[in-house]
Protein backbone atom coordinates (compact mmCIF):
# COMPACT_ATOMS: atom_id res chain seq x y z
CA MET A 1 0.83 -20.60 37.05
CA GLN A 2 1.27 -21.51 40.64
CA ILE A 3 3.25 -19.51 43.20
CA ARG A 4 4.28 -21.33 46.36
CA PHE A 5 5.22 -19.27 49.39
CA TYR A 6 7.44 -20.57 52.17
CA ALA A 7 8.26 -19.30 55.68
CA ASN A 8 8.36 -15.47 55.80
CA PHE A 9 6.63 -15.08 52.45
CA ARG A 10 3.83 -17.35 53.64
CA THR A 11 3.46 -15.19 56.75
CA ILE A 12 3.37 -11.95 54.75
CA THR A 13 0.91 -13.16 52.09
CA LYS A 14 -1.11 -15.45 54.39
CA HIS A 15 -1.06 -17.98 51.55
CA ALA A 16 0.86 -21.21 51.10
CA MET A 17 0.02 -21.24 47.41
CA LEU A 18 -1.58 -18.92 44.91
CA GLU A 19 -2.89 -19.73 41.45
CA PHE A 20 -2.06 -16.87 39.12
CA ASN A 21 -3.79 -16.64 35.75
CA ASP A 22 -3.06 -13.02 34.86
CA THR A 23 -2.44 -12.67 31.14
CA ASP A 24 -0.27 -9.58 31.78
CA VAL A 25 2.40 -11.69 33.47
CA TYR A 26 5.06 -12.70 30.97
CA THR A 27 8.24 -12.63 33.03
CA LEU A 28 9.37 -13.04 36.63
CA ARG A 29 9.73 -9.26 36.82
CA ASP A 30 6.06 -8.89 35.80
CA LEU A 31 5.04 -11.49 38.36
CA PHE A 32 6.90 -9.71 41.16
CA GLN A 33 5.21 -6.41 40.30
CA GLN A 34 1.80 -8.13 40.42
CA LEU A 35 2.66 -9.74 43.77
CA ILE A 36 3.66 -6.34 45.16
CA MET A 37 0.33 -4.90 44.01
CA LEU A 38 -1.50 -7.74 45.80
CA PHE A 39 0.76 -7.80 48.87
CA PRO A 40 2.53 -4.42 49.28
CA ASP A 41 4.34 -5.59 52.43
CA ILE A 42 6.21 -8.17 50.36
CA ALA A 43 8.20 -5.56 48.40
CA PRO A 44 11.15 -4.97 50.77
CA HIS A 45 11.45 -8.69 51.42
CA LEU A 46 11.51 -9.53 47.72
CA LEU A 47 13.21 -6.71 45.81
CA VAL A 48 16.00 -4.20 46.31
CA LYS A 49 15.37 -0.51 45.56
CA SER A 50 16.57 -0.90 41.96
CA GLY A 51 13.75 -3.40 41.35
CA ASP A 52 16.00 -6.44 41.17
CA LEU A 53 15.45 -9.56 43.22
CA ARG A 54 17.19 -9.48 46.57
CA PRO A 55 20.32 -11.62 46.36
CA ASP A 56 19.45 -13.49 49.55
CA VAL A 57 16.00 -14.67 48.34
CA PRO A 58 16.01 -18.21 46.97
CA ILE A 59 13.57 -18.58 44.09
CA PHE A 60 12.92 -21.52 41.81
CA VAL A 61 10.89 -21.88 38.63
CA ASN A 62 9.96 -25.51 38.09
CA GLY A 63 12.74 -26.45 40.50
CA ARG A 64 15.41 -24.45 38.66
CA ASN A 65 17.18 -21.30 39.76
CA PRO A 66 16.27 -18.53 37.27
CA ARG A 67 19.39 -16.60 38.26
CA LEU A 68 21.37 -19.16 36.30
CA ALA A 69 19.40 -18.41 33.13
CA ASP A 70 20.69 -15.74 30.77
CA ALA A 71 17.44 -13.75 31.04
CA GLY A 72 17.32 -13.75 34.87
CA LEU A 73 14.23 -11.84 36.05
CA ASP A 74 13.24 -11.33 32.45
CA SER A 75 12.85 -15.10 32.00
CA VAL A 76 9.57 -15.84 30.25
CA LEU A 77 7.00 -17.70 32.32
CA GLU A 78 4.59 -20.32 31.03
CA PRO A 79 1.01 -20.83 32.31
CA ASP A 80 1.90 -24.20 33.88
CA ASP A 81 5.07 -22.98 35.68
CA VAL A 82 5.50 -23.43 39.43
CA ILE A 83 7.36 -20.60 41.14
CA SER A 84 8.65 -21.20 44.67
CA LEU A 85 9.67 -18.29 46.91
CA PHE A 86 11.72 -19.03 50.01
CA SER A 87 12.75 -16.81 52.90
CA PRO A 88 16.00 -14.88 52.68
CA ILE A 89 18.91 -17.06 53.69
CA ALA A 90 20.74 -14.39 55.73
CA SER A 91 19.93 -15.43 59.28
CA GLY A 92 19.22 -12.85 61.93
CA ARG A 93 17.93 -10.20 59.52
CA MET A 94 14.30 -11.17 59.87
CA ASN A 95 12.27 -13.95 61.27
CA VAL A 96 8.72 -15.19 61.02
CA GLU A 97 7.77 -13.89 64.47
CA SER A 98 8.89 -10.31 63.81
CA ILE A 99 7.10 -10.22 60.46
CA ARG A 100 3.96 -11.69 62.01
CA ASP A 101 4.10 -9.07 64.80
CA SER A 102 4.61 -6.18 62.37
CA ALA A 103 1.79 -7.44 60.13
CA SER A 104 -0.59 -7.54 63.11
CA GLY A 105 0.51 -4.11 64.38
CA GLU A 106 2.17 -5.36 67.57
CA GLU A 107 5.37 -3.77 68.75
CA GLU A 108 8.32 -5.76 70.04
């Protein structure tokens, strides 16, 4: 499957796109846990403490919002799926520059 990162997520992961062929990934929840293992700094930008997707993070699987599916984060993924992660939509809470600075160790 292919994961496409946009804006803040691209800055955090330093990837625009990632091919993911892990056979242990069956659901979005599994995928998020794998992404957090690869990119620990992504966790607070992706999930709330309960492990659910942050409500302000737009995500699409093959162009469709998985939140509208009955299974939500437990939606089953297929090997040819394209998952797109966008920056949180709440403006003012974070921006690319502050994430870039914190990732490089610079203080504001």
